[in-house]
Amino acid sequence: MTHRLLVQYGRPTDPAAFDRHYRDVHVPLARKIPGIVRFETGHAEALGDEAAPYLVATLDFESAEAFAAGMGSPDGAAAAGDVPNFATGGATMSHFDVDDVTR
């Protein structure tokens, strides 16, 4: 079963600097995490009056065990350790087993 890491970044103090660091430094670090089968990002827009995260990232793994191994690896620690270097608006991370309910 797919296991997903969801990262929601708050609005940074300097969006251009955030985007540059995220693209040039953080994404290459995160791509090295063992076990990732899919990695997607997008700038979010609110549907109503609520504030939306600035950026959302999802990283999929084949299982919860693969997630734990990947995030517990030196590459996982390096990627997690980089977050304070650019996420001036904060970051919320959660993970879960994906339940596909489209059918």
PDB file of N, CA and C in Angstrom:
ATOM      1  N   MET A   1       0.843  -1.178   0.000  1.00  0.00           N
ATOM      2  CA  MET A   1       0.000   0.000   0.000  1.00  0.00           C
ATOM      3  C   MET A   1       0.889   1.242   0.000  1.00  0.00           C
ATOM      4  N   THR A   2       0.562   2.192  -0.836  1.00  0.00           N
ATOM      5  CA  THR A   2       1.328   3.437  -0.904  1.00  0.00           C
ATOM      6  C   THR A   2       1.245   4.187   0.422  1.00  0.00           C
ATOM      7  N   HIS A   3       2.380   4.690   0.854  1.00  0.00           N
ATOM      8  CA  HIS A   3       2.453   5.515   2.056  1.00  0.00           C
ATOM      9  C   HIS A   3       2.950   6.890   1.622  1.00  0.00           C
ATOM     10  N   ARG A   4       2.268   7.942   2.068  1.00  0.00           N
ATOM     11  CA  ARG A   4       2.540   9.295   1.573  1.00  0.00           C
ATOM     12  C   ARG A   4       2.999  10.228   2.689  1.00  0.00           C
ATOM     13  N   LEU A   5       4.030  10.997   2.377  1.00  0.00           N
ATOM     14  CA  LEU A   5       4.449  12.114   3.217  1.00  0.00           C
ATOM     15  C   LEU A   5       3.871  13.376   2.592  1.00  0.00           C
ATOM     16  N   LEU A   6       3.140  14.149   3.384  1.00  0.00           N
ATOM     17  CA  LEU A   6       2.550  15.408   2.948  1.00  0.00           C
ATOM     18  C   LEU A   6       3.250  16.540   3.692  1.00  0.00           C
ATOM     19  N   VAL A   7       3.826  17.467   2.934  1.00  0.00           N
ATOM     20  CA  VAL A   7       4.505  18.620   3.527  1.00  0.00           C
ATOM     21  C   VAL A   7       3.794  19.877   3.043  1.00  0.00           C
ATOM     22  N   GLN A   8       3.364  20.709   3.985  1.00  0.00           N
ATOM     23  CA  GLN A   8       2.694  21.967   3.661  1.00  0.00           C
ATOM     24  C   GLN A   8       3.537  23.114   4.218  1.00  0.00           C
ATOM     25  N   TYR A   9       3.995  23.962   3.321  1.00  0.00           N
ATOM     26  CA  TYR A   9       4.847  25.085   3.696  1.00  0.00           C
ATOM     27  C   TYR A   9       4.017  26.360   3.797  1.00  0.00           C
ATOM     28  N   GLY A  10       4.178  27.085   4.907  1.00  0.00           N
ATOM     29  CA  GLY A  10       3.518  28.374   5.064  1.00  0.00           C
ATOM     30  C   GLY A  10       4.173  29.434   4.187  1.00  0.00           C
ATOM     31  N   ARG A  11       3.488  30.551   4.021  1.00  0.00           N
ATOM     32  CA  ARG A  11       4.007  31.637   3.169  1.00  0.00           C
ATOM     33  C   ARG A  11       5.336  32.137   3.728  1.00  0.00           C
ATOM     34  N   PRO A  12       6.400  32.076   2.924  1.00  0.00           N
ATOM     35  CA  PRO A  12       7.720  32.519   3.382  1.00  0.00           C
ATOM     36  C   PRO A  12       7.836  34.044   3.389  1.00  0.00           C
ATOM     37  N   THR A  13       8.809  34.544   4.132  1.00  0.00           N
ATOM     38  CA  THR A  13       9.039  35.984   4.157  1.00  0.00           C
ATOM     39  C   THR A  13       9.560  36.483   2.814  1.00  0.00           C
ATOM     40  N   ASP A  14      10.293  35.647   2.087  1.00  0.00           N
ATOM     41  CA  ASP A  14      10.824  36.008   0.768  1.00  0.00           C
ATOM     42  C   ASP A  14      10.507  34.862  -0.196  1.00  0.00           C
ATOM     43  N   PRO A  15       9.364  34.920  -0.881  1.00  0.00           N
ATOM     44  CA  PRO A  15       8.965  33.819  -1.764  1.00  0.00           C
ATOM     45  C   PRO A  15       9.994  33.473  -2.841  1.00  0.00           C
ATOM     46  N   ALA A  16      10.654  34.470  -3.417  1.00  0.00           N
ATOM     47  CA  ALA A  16      11.644  34.190  -4.466  1.00  0.00           C
ATOM     48  C   ALA A  16      12.825  33.404  -3.901  1.00  0.00           C
ATOM     49  N   ALA A  17      13.286  33.774  -2.709  1.00  0.00           N
ATOM     50  CA  ALA A  17      14.390  33.046  -2.077  1.00  0.00           C
ATOM     51  C   ALA A  17      13.957  31.627  -1.710  1.00  0.00           C
ATOM     52  N   PHE A  18      12.732  31.487  -1.213  1.00  0.00           N
ATOM     53  CA  PHE A  18      12.195  30.159  -0.903  1.00  0.00           C
ATOM     54  C   PHE A  18      12.200  29.289  -2.154  1.00  0.00           C
ATOM     55  N   ASP A  19      11.610  29.802  -3.230  1.00  0.00           N
ATOM     56  CA  ASP A  19      11.511  29.022  -4.469  1.00  0.00           C
ATOM     57  C   ASP A  19      12.886  28.626  -4.990  1.00  0.00           C
ATOM     58  N   ARG A  20      13.829  29.548  -4.937  1.00  0.00           N
ATOM     59  CA  ARG A  20      15.182  29.270  -5.423  1.00  0.00           C
ATOM     60  C   ARG A  20      15.833  28.166  -4.595  1.00  0.00           C
ATOM     61  N   HIS A  21      15.782  28.295  -3.265  1.00  0.00           N
ATOM     62  CA  HIS A  21      16.396  27.283  -2.401  1.00  0.00           C
ATOM     63  C   HIS A  21      15.686  25.938  -2.557  1.00  0.00           C
ATOM     64  N   TYR A  22      14.367  25.983  -2.595  1.00  0.00           N
ATOM     65  CA  TYR A  22      13.604  24.742  -2.722  1.00  0.00           C
ATOM     66  C   TYR A  22      13.989  24.002  -4.002  1.00  0.00           C
ATOM     67  N   ARG A  23      14.011  24.734  -5.112  1.00  0.00           N
ATOM     68  CA  ARG A  23      14.308  24.135  -6.416  1.00  0.00           C
ATOM     69  C   ARG A  23      15.773  23.683  -6.525  1.00  0.00           C
ATOM     70  N   ASP A  24      16.695  24.544  -6.096  1.00  0.00           N
ATOM     71  CA  ASP A  24      18.112  24.296  -6.349  1.00  0.00           C
ATOM     72  C   ASP A  24      18.811  23.469  -5.282  1.00  0.00           C
ATOM     73  N   VAL A  25      18.285  23.483  -4.062  1.00  0.00           N
ATOM     74  CA  VAL A  25      18.947  22.777  -2.959  1.00  0.00           C
ATOM     75  C   VAL A  25      18.072  21.658  -2.397  1.00  0.00           C
ATOM     76  N   HIS A  26      16.851  22.007  -1.999  1.00  0.00           N
ATOM     77  CA  HIS A  26      16.036  21.031  -1.276  1.00  0.00           C
ATOM     78  C   HIS A  26      15.558  19.873  -2.146  1.00  0.00           C
ATOM     79  N   VAL A  27      15.041  20.171  -3.325  1.00  0.00           N
ATOM     80  CA  VAL A  27      14.561  19.084  -4.192  1.00  0.00           C
ATOM     81  C   VAL A  27      15.680  18.093  -4.511  1.00  0.00           C
ATOM     82  N   PRO A  28      16.889  18.543  -4.884  1.00  0.00           N
ATOM     83  CA  PRO A  28      17.955  17.562  -5.113  1.00  0.00           C
ATOM     84  C   PRO A  28      18.272  16.718  -3.875  1.00  0.00           C
ATOM     85  N   LEU A  29      18.203  17.321  -2.679  1.00  0.00           N
ATOM     86  CA  LEU A  29      18.411  16.538  -1.455  1.00  0.00           C
ATOM     87  C   LEU A  29      17.300  15.510  -1.277  1.00  0.00           C
ATOM     88  N   ALA A  30      16.059  15.942  -1.431  1.00  0.00           N
ATOM     89  CA  ALA A  30      14.919  15.049  -1.214  1.00  0.00           C
ATOM     90  C   ALA A  30      14.884  13.919  -2.233  1.00  0.00           C
ATOM     91  N   ARG A  31      15.298  14.177  -3.455  1.00  0.00           N
ATOM     92  CA  ARG A  31      15.311  13.119  -4.481  1.00  0.00           C
ATOM     93  C   ARG A  31      16.230  11.964  -4.113  1.00  0.00           C
ATOM     94  N   LYS A  32      17.188  12.219  -3.226  1.00  0.00           N
ATOM     95  CA  LYS A  32      18.137  11.177  -2.815  1.00  0.00           C
ATOM     96  C   LYS A  32      17.567  10.247  -1.744  1.00  0.00           C
ATOM     97  N   ILE A  33      16.413  10.595  -1.164  1.00  0.00           N
ATOM     98  CA  ILE A  33      15.844   9.760  -0.103  1.00  0.00           C
ATOM     99  C   ILE A  33      15.503   8.392  -0.685  1.00  0.00           C
ATOM    100  N   PRO A  34      16.042   7.328  -0.111  1.00  0.00           N
ATOM    101  CA  PRO A  34      15.763   5.990  -0.642  1.00  0.00           C
ATOM    102  C   PRO A  34      14.280   5.638  -0.538  1.00  0.00           C
ATOM    103  N   GLY A  35      13.774   4.978  -1.553  1.00  0.00           N
ATOM    104  CA  GLY A  35      12.419   4.444  -1.519  1.00  0.00           C
ATOM    105  C   GLY A  35      11.343   5.332  -2.094  1.00  0.00           C
ATOM    106  N   ILE A  36      11.667   6.560  -2.491  1.00  0.00           N
ATOM    107  CA  ILE A  36      10.639   7.429  -3.076  1.00  0.00           C
ATOM    108  C   ILE A  36      10.236   6.880  -4.438  1.00  0.00           C
ATOM    109  N   VAL A  37       8.933   6.721  -4.643  1.00  0.00           N
ATOM    110  CA  VAL A  37       8.428   6.262  -5.944  1.00  0.00           C
ATOM    111  C   VAL A  37       7.730   7.388  -6.705  1.00  0.00           C
ATOM    112  N   ARG A  38       7.393   8.466  -6.010  1.00  0.00           N
ATOM    113  CA  ARG A  38       6.762   9.622  -6.660  1.00  0.00           C
ATOM    114  C   ARG A  38       6.983  10.838  -5.769  1.00  0.00           C
ATOM    115  N   PHE A  39       7.288  11.978  -6.396  1.00  0.00           N
ATOM    116  CA  PHE A  39       7.556  13.218  -5.667  1.00  0.00           C
ATOM    117  C   PHE A  39       6.918  14.339  -6.472  1.00  0.00           C
ATOM    118  N   GLU A  40       5.902  14.990  -5.886  1.00  0.00           N
ATOM    119  CA  GLU A  40       5.173  16.046  -6.587  1.00  0.00           C
ATOM    120  C   GLU A  40       5.073  17.286  -5.706  1.00  0.00           C
ATOM    121  N   THR A  41       5.069  18.452  -6.343  1.00  0.00           N
ATOM    122  CA  THR A  41       4.917  19.705  -5.619  1.00  0.00           C
ATOM    123  C   THR A  41       3.955  20.623  -6.360  1.00  0.00           C
ATOM    124  N   GLY A  42       3.420  21.595  -5.651  1.00  0.00           N
ATOM    125  CA  GLY A  42       2.572  22.595  -6.286  1.00  0.00           C
ATOM    126  C   GLY A  42       2.310  23.758  -5.357  1.00  0.00           C
ATOM    127  N   HIS A  43       2.203  24.934  -5.944  1.00  0.00           N
ATOM    128  CA  HIS A  43       1.805  26.121  -5.188  1.00  0.00           C
ATOM    129  C   HIS A  43       0.286  26.084  -5.047  1.00  0.00           C
ATOM    130  N   ALA A  44      -0.177  26.163  -3.816  1.00  0.00           N
ATOM    131  CA  ALA A  44      -1.601  26.005  -3.522  1.00  0.00           C
ATOM    132  C   ALA A  44      -2.344  27.335  -3.609  1.00  0.00           C
ATOM    133  N   GLU A  45      -3.632  27.237  -3.913  1.00  0.00           N
ATOM    134  CA  GLU A  45      -4.533  28.388  -3.891  1.00  0.00           C
ATOM    135  C   GLU A  45      -5.723  28.034  -3.009  1.00  0.00           C
ATOM    136  N   ALA A  46      -6.169  28.983  -2.221  1.00  0.00           N
ATOM    137  CA  ALA A  46      -7.307  28.761  -1.330  1.00  0.00           C
ATOM    138  C   ALA A  46      -8.602  28.673  -2.129  1.00  0.00           C
ATOM    139  N   LEU A  47      -9.527  27.854  -1.659  1.00  0.00           N
ATOM    140  CA  LEU A  47     -10.850  27.761  -2.275  1.00  0.00           C
ATOM    141  C   LEU A  47     -11.794  28.830  -1.757  1.00  0.00           C
ATOM    142  N   GLY A  48     -11.550  29.290  -0.570  1.00  0.00           N
ATOM    143  CA  GLY A  48     -12.431  30.290   0.043  1.00  0.00           C
ATOM    144  C   GLY A  48     -11.613  31.315   0.787  1.00  0.00           C
ATOM    145  N   ASP A  49     -12.089  31.665   1.971  1.00  0.00           N
ATOM    146  CA  ASP A  49     -11.433  32.696   2.767  1.00  0.00           C
ATOM    147  C   ASP A  49     -10.254  32.183   3.587  1.00  0.00           C
ATOM    148  N   GLU A  50     -10.112  30.879   3.694  1.00  0.00           N
ATOM    149  CA  GLU A  50      -9.024  30.327   4.488  1.00  0.00           C
ATOM    150  C   GLU A  50      -7.697  30.494   3.760  1.00  0.00           C
ATOM    151  N   ALA A  51      -6.637  30.653   4.529  1.00  0.00           N
ATOM    152  CA  ALA A  51      -5.304  30.760   3.941  1.00  0.00           C
ATOM    153  C   ALA A  51      -4.858  29.388   3.441  1.00  0.00           C
ATOM    154  N   ALA A  52      -4.250  29.373   2.290  1.00  0.00           N
ATOM    155  CA  ALA A  52      -3.713  28.135   1.728  1.00  0.00           C
ATOM    156  C   ALA A  52      -2.220  28.065   2.024  1.00  0.00           C
ATOM    157  N   PRO A  53      -1.660  26.858   2.087  1.00  0.00           N
ATOM    158  CA  PRO A  53      -0.207  26.761   2.190  1.00  0.00           C
ATOM    159  C   PRO A  53       0.429  27.420   0.962  1.00  0.00           C
ATOM    160  N   TYR A  54       1.650  27.877   1.107  1.00  0.00           N
ATOM    161  CA  TYR A  54       2.369  28.461  -0.022  1.00  0.00           C
ATOM    162  C   TYR A  54       2.736  27.370  -1.027  1.00  0.00           C
ATOM    163  N   LEU A  55       3.242  26.257  -0.513  1.00  0.00           N
ATOM    164  CA  LEU A  55       3.655  25.139  -1.363  1.00  0.00           C
ATOM    165  C   LEU A  55       3.276  23.842  -0.670  1.00  0.00           C
ATOM    166  N   VAL A  56       2.851  22.878  -1.446  1.00  0.00           N
ATOM    167  CA  VAL A  56       2.533  21.547  -0.936  1.00  0.00           C
ATOM    168  C   VAL A  56       3.411  20.551  -1.682  1.00  0.00           C
ATOM    169  N   ALA A  57       3.976  19.610  -0.944  1.00  0.00           N
ATOM    170  CA  ALA A  57       4.773  18.546  -1.554  1.00  0.00           C
ATOM    171  C   ALA A  57       4.253  17.205  -1.063  1.00  0.00           C
ATOM    172  N   THR A  58       4.190  16.237  -1.972  1.00  0.00           N
ATOM    173  CA  THR A  58       3.852  14.868  -1.589  1.00  0.00           C
ATOM    174  C   THR A  58       4.973  13.958  -2.057  1.00  0.00           C
ATOM    175  N   LEU A  59       5.372  13.070  -1.182  1.00  0.00           N
ATOM    176  CA  LEU A  59       6.392  12.078  -1.491  1.00  0.00           C
ATOM    177  C   LEU A  59       5.792  10.718  -1.187  1.00  0.00           C
ATOM    178  N   ASP A  60       5.712   9.871  -2.191  1.00  0.00           N
ATOM    179  CA  ASP A  60       5.106   8.551  -2.035  1.00  0.00           C
ATOM    180  C   ASP A  60       6.172   7.474  -1.919  1.00  0.00           C
ATOM    181  N   PHE A  61       5.883   6.503  -1.057  1.00  0.00           N
ATOM    182  CA  PHE A  61       6.735   5.337  -0.825  1.00  0.00           C
ATOM    183  C   PHE A  61       5.871   4.095  -0.999  1.00  0.00           C
ATOM    184  N   GLU A  62       6.486   2.953  -1.242  1.00  0.00           N
ATOM    185  CA  GLU A  62       5.717   1.723  -1.450  1.00  0.00           C
ATOM    186  C   GLU A  62       4.994   1.259  -0.199  1.00  0.00           C
ATOM    187  N   SER A  63       5.495   1.624   0.973  1.00  0.00           N
ATOM    188  CA  SER A  63       4.901   1.145   2.226  1.00  0.00           C
ATOM    189  C   SER A  63       5.331   2.052   3.372  1.00  0.00           C
ATOM    190  N   ALA A  64       4.687   1.865   4.520  1.00  0.00           N
ATOM    191  CA  ALA A  64       5.083   2.605   5.720  1.00  0.00           C
ATOM    192  C   ALA A  64       6.508   2.238   6.124  1.00  0.00           C
ATOM    193  N   GLU A  65       6.870   0.986   5.904  1.00  0.00           N
ATOM    194  CA  GLU A  65       8.226   0.541   6.236  1.00  0.00           C
ATOM    195  C   GLU A  65       9.261   1.222   5.341  1.00  0.00           C
ATOM    196  N   ALA A  66       8.942   1.344   4.044  1.00  0.00           N
ATOM    197  CA  ALA A  66       9.851   2.026   3.116  1.00  0.00           C
ATOM    198  C   ALA A  66       9.975   3.505   3.482  1.00  0.00           C
ATOM    199  N   PHE A  67       8.856   4.111   3.895  1.00  0.00           N
ATOM    200  CA  PHE A  67       8.877   5.502   4.352  1.00  0.00           C
ATOM    201  C   PHE A  67       9.802   5.646   5.561  1.00  0.00           C
ATOM    202  N   ALA A  68       9.619   4.788   6.562  1.00  0.00           N
ATOM    203  CA  ALA A  68      10.426   4.873   7.780  1.00  0.00           C
ATOM    204  C   ALA A  68      11.907   4.675   7.468  1.00  0.00           C
ATOM    205  N   ALA A  69      12.209   3.730   6.593  1.00  0.00           N
ATOM    206  CA  ALA A  69      13.603   3.484   6.226  1.00  0.00           C
ATOM    207  C   ALA A  69      14.185   4.676   5.472  1.00  0.00           C
ATOM    208  N   GLY A  70      13.428   5.219   4.539  1.00  0.00           N
ATOM    209  CA  GLY A  70      13.916   6.351   3.758  1.00  0.00           C
ATOM    210  C   GLY A  70      14.131   7.591   4.600  1.00  0.00           C
ATOM    211  N   MET A  71      13.156   7.916   5.423  1.00  0.00           N
ATOM    212  CA  MET A  71      13.275   9.114   6.249  1.00  0.00           C
ATOM    213  C   MET A  71      14.302   8.930   7.362  1.00  0.00           C
ATOM    214  N   GLY A  72      14.542   7.681   7.762  1.00  0.00           N
ATOM    215  CA  GLY A  72      15.538   7.400   8.783  1.00  0.00           C
ATOM    216  C   GLY A  72      16.953   7.282   8.249  1.00  0.00           C
ATOM    217  N   SER A  73      17.097   7.354   6.937  1.00  0.00           N
ATOM    218  CA  SER A  73      18.414   7.246   6.311  1.00  0.00           C
ATOM    219  C   SER A  73      19.173   8.568   6.425  1.00  0.00           C
ATOM    220  N   PRO A  74      20.483   8.549   6.184  1.00  0.00           N
ATOM    221  CA  PRO A  74      21.235   9.810   6.169  1.00  0.00           C
ATOM    222  C   PRO A  74      20.680  10.822   5.161  1.00  0.00           C
ATOM    223  N   ASP A  75      20.223  10.351   4.001  1.00  0.00           N
ATOM    224  CA  ASP A  75      19.651  11.270   3.015  1.00  0.00           C
ATOM    225  C   ASP A  75      18.322  11.845   3.497  1.00  0.00           C
ATOM    226  N   GLY A  76      17.519  11.041   4.182  1.00  0.00           N
ATOM    227  CA  GLY A  76      16.277  11.545   4.758  1.00  0.00           C
ATOM    228  C   GLY A  76      16.552  12.588   5.827  1.00  0.00           C
ATOM    229  N   ALA A  77      17.559  12.329   6.654  1.00  0.00           N
ATOM    230  CA  ALA A  77      17.928  13.287   7.701  1.00  0.00           C
ATOM    231  C   ALA A  77      18.456  14.583   7.095  1.00  0.00           C
ATOM    232  N   ALA A  78      19.210  14.479   6.008  1.00  0.00           N
ATOM    233  CA  ALA A  78      19.747  15.681   5.354  1.00  0.00           C
ATOM    234  C   ALA A  78      18.621  16.534   4.786  1.00  0.00           C
ATOM    235  N   ALA A  79      17.646  15.898   4.149  1.00  0.00           N
ATOM    236  CA  ALA A  79      16.518  16.647   3.581  1.00  0.00           C
ATOM    237  C   ALA A  79      15.697  17.294   4.691  1.00  0.00           C
ATOM    238  N   ALA A  80      15.393  16.534   5.741  1.00  0.00           N
ATOM    239  CA  ALA A  80      14.621  17.090   6.858  1.00  0.00           C
ATOM    240  C   ALA A  80      15.392  18.221   7.538  1.00  0.00           C
ATOM    241  N   GLY A  81      16.696  18.056   7.667  1.00  0.00           N
ATOM    242  CA  GLY A  81      17.521  19.073   8.303  1.00  0.00           C
ATOM    243  C   GLY A  81      17.636  20.353   7.499  1.00  0.00           C
ATOM    244  N   ASP A  82      17.361  20.278   6.200  1.00  0.00           N
ATOM    245  CA  ASP A  82      17.440  21.461   5.344  1.00  0.00           C
ATOM    246  C   ASP A  82      16.212  22.359   5.480  1.00  0.00           C
ATOM    247  N   VAL A  83      15.093  21.827   5.925  1.00  0.00           N
ATOM    248  CA  VAL A  83      13.835  22.587   5.960  1.00  0.00           C
ATOM    249  C   VAL A  83      13.972  23.927   6.697  1.00  0.00           C
ATOM    250  N   PRO A  84      14.593  23.989   7.871  1.00  0.00           N
ATOM    251  CA  PRO A  84      14.709  25.289   8.549  1.00  0.00           C
ATOM    252  C   PRO A  84      15.538  26.317   7.775  1.00  0.00           C
ATOM    253  N   ASN A  85      16.321  25.867   6.803  1.00  0.00           N
ATOM    254  CA  ASN A  85      17.153  26.787   6.031  1.00  0.00           C
ATOM    255  C   ASN A  85      16.360  27.667   5.074  1.00  0.00           C
ATOM    256  N   PHE A  86      15.119  27.292   4.768  1.00  0.00           N
ATOM    257  CA  PHE A  86      14.355  28.067   3.785  1.00  0.00           C
ATOM    258  C   PHE A  86      12.887  28.254   4.160  1.00  0.00           C
ATOM    259  N   ALA A  87      12.348  27.442   5.040  1.00  0.00           N
ATOM    260  CA  ALA A  87      10.910  27.464   5.345  1.00  0.00           C
ATOM    261  C   ALA A  87      10.605  28.494   6.427  1.00  0.00           C
ATOM    262  N   THR A  88      10.775  29.767   6.087  1.00  0.00           N
ATOM    263  CA  THR A  88      10.567  30.836   7.062  1.00  0.00           C
ATOM    264  C   THR A  88       9.107  30.976   7.480  1.00  0.00           C
ATOM    265  N   GLY A  89       8.194  30.421   6.694  1.00  0.00           N
ATOM    266  CA  GLY A  89       6.778  30.431   7.039  1.00  0.00           C
ATOM    267  C   GLY A  89       6.342  29.176   7.763  1.00  0.00           C
ATOM    268  N   GLY A  90       7.310  28.323   8.102  1.00  0.00           N
ATOM    269  CA  GLY A  90       7.011  27.076   8.785  1.00  0.00           C
ATOM    270  C   GLY A  90       6.663  25.962   7.819  1.00  0.00           C
ATOM    271  N   ALA A  91       6.653  24.757   8.333  1.00  0.00           N
ATOM    272  CA  ALA A  91       6.307  23.576   7.546  1.00  0.00           C
ATOM    273  C   ALA A  91       5.580  22.593   8.444  1.00  0.00           C
ATOM    274  N   THR A  92       4.520  22.014   7.909  1.00  0.00           N
ATOM    275  CA  THR A  92       3.770  20.979   8.611  1.00  0.00           C
ATOM    276  C   THR A  92       3.939  19.689   7.829  1.00  0.00           C
ATOM    277  N   MET A  93       4.358  18.633   8.516  1.00  0.00           N
ATOM    278  CA  MET A  93       4.570  17.341   7.868  1.00  0.00           C
ATOM    279  C   MET A  93       3.671  16.298   8.509  1.00  0.00           C
ATOM    280  N   SER A  94       3.051  15.482   7.666  1.00  0.00           N
ATOM    281  CA  SER A  94       2.254  14.358   8.146  1.00  0.00           C
ATOM    282  C   SER A  94       2.423  13.217   7.154  1.00  0.00           C
ATOM    283  N   HIS A  95       2.128  12.007   7.610  1.00  0.00           N
ATOM    284  CA  HIS A  95       2.247  10.854   6.711  1.00  0.00           C
ATOM    285  C   HIS A  95       1.111   9.888   6.987  1.00  0.00           C
ATOM    286  N   PHE A  96       0.766   9.126   5.941  1.00  0.00           N
ATOM    287  CA  PHE A  96      -0.402   8.254   6.041  1.00  0.00           C
ATOM    288  C   PHE A  96      -0.387   7.222   4.925  1.00  0.00           C
ATOM    289  N   ASP A  97      -1.118   6.118   5.154  1.00  0.00           N
ATOM    290  CA  ASP A  97      -1.371   5.147   4.097  1.00  0.00           C
ATOM    291  C   ASP A  97      -2.437   5.723   3.177  1.00  0.00           C
ATOM    292  N   VAL A  98      -2.216   5.630   1.883  1.00  0.00           N
ATOM    293  CA  VAL A  98      -3.149   6.173   0.896  1.00  0.00           C
ATOM    294  C   VAL A  98      -4.274   5.173   0.664  1.00  0.00           C
ATOM    295  N   ASP A  99      -5.490   5.641   0.760  1.00  0.00           N
ATOM    296  CA  ASP A  99      -6.676   4.834   0.496  1.00  0.00           C
ATOM    297  C   ASP A  99      -7.347   5.411  -0.746  1.00  0.00           C
ATOM    298  N   ASP A 100      -7.168   4.780  -1.889  1.00  0.00           N
ATOM    299  CA  ASP A 100      -7.731   5.260  -3.152  1.00  0.00           C
ATOM    300  C   ASP A 100      -9.217   4.933  -3.182  1.00  0.00           C
ATOM    301  N   VAL A 101     -10.044   5.961  -3.137  1.00  0.00           N
ATOM    302  CA  VAL A 101     -11.494   5.770  -3.093  1.00  0.00           C
ATOM    303  C   VAL A 101     -12.175   6.249  -4.379  1.00  0.00           C
ATOM    304  N   THR A 102     -11.417   6.300  -5.479  1.00  0.00           N
ATOM    305  CA  THR A 102     -12.009   6.759  -6.739  1.00  0.00           C
ATOM    306  C   THR A 102     -12.966   5.744  -7.328  1.00  0.00           C
ATOM    307  N   ARG A 103     -12.907   4.514  -6.921  1.00  0.00           N
ATOM    308  CA  ARG A 103     -13.803   3.471  -7.448  1.00  0.00           C
ATOM    309  C   ARG A 103     -14.682   2.939  -6.358  1.00  0.00           C
TER     310      ARG A 103
END
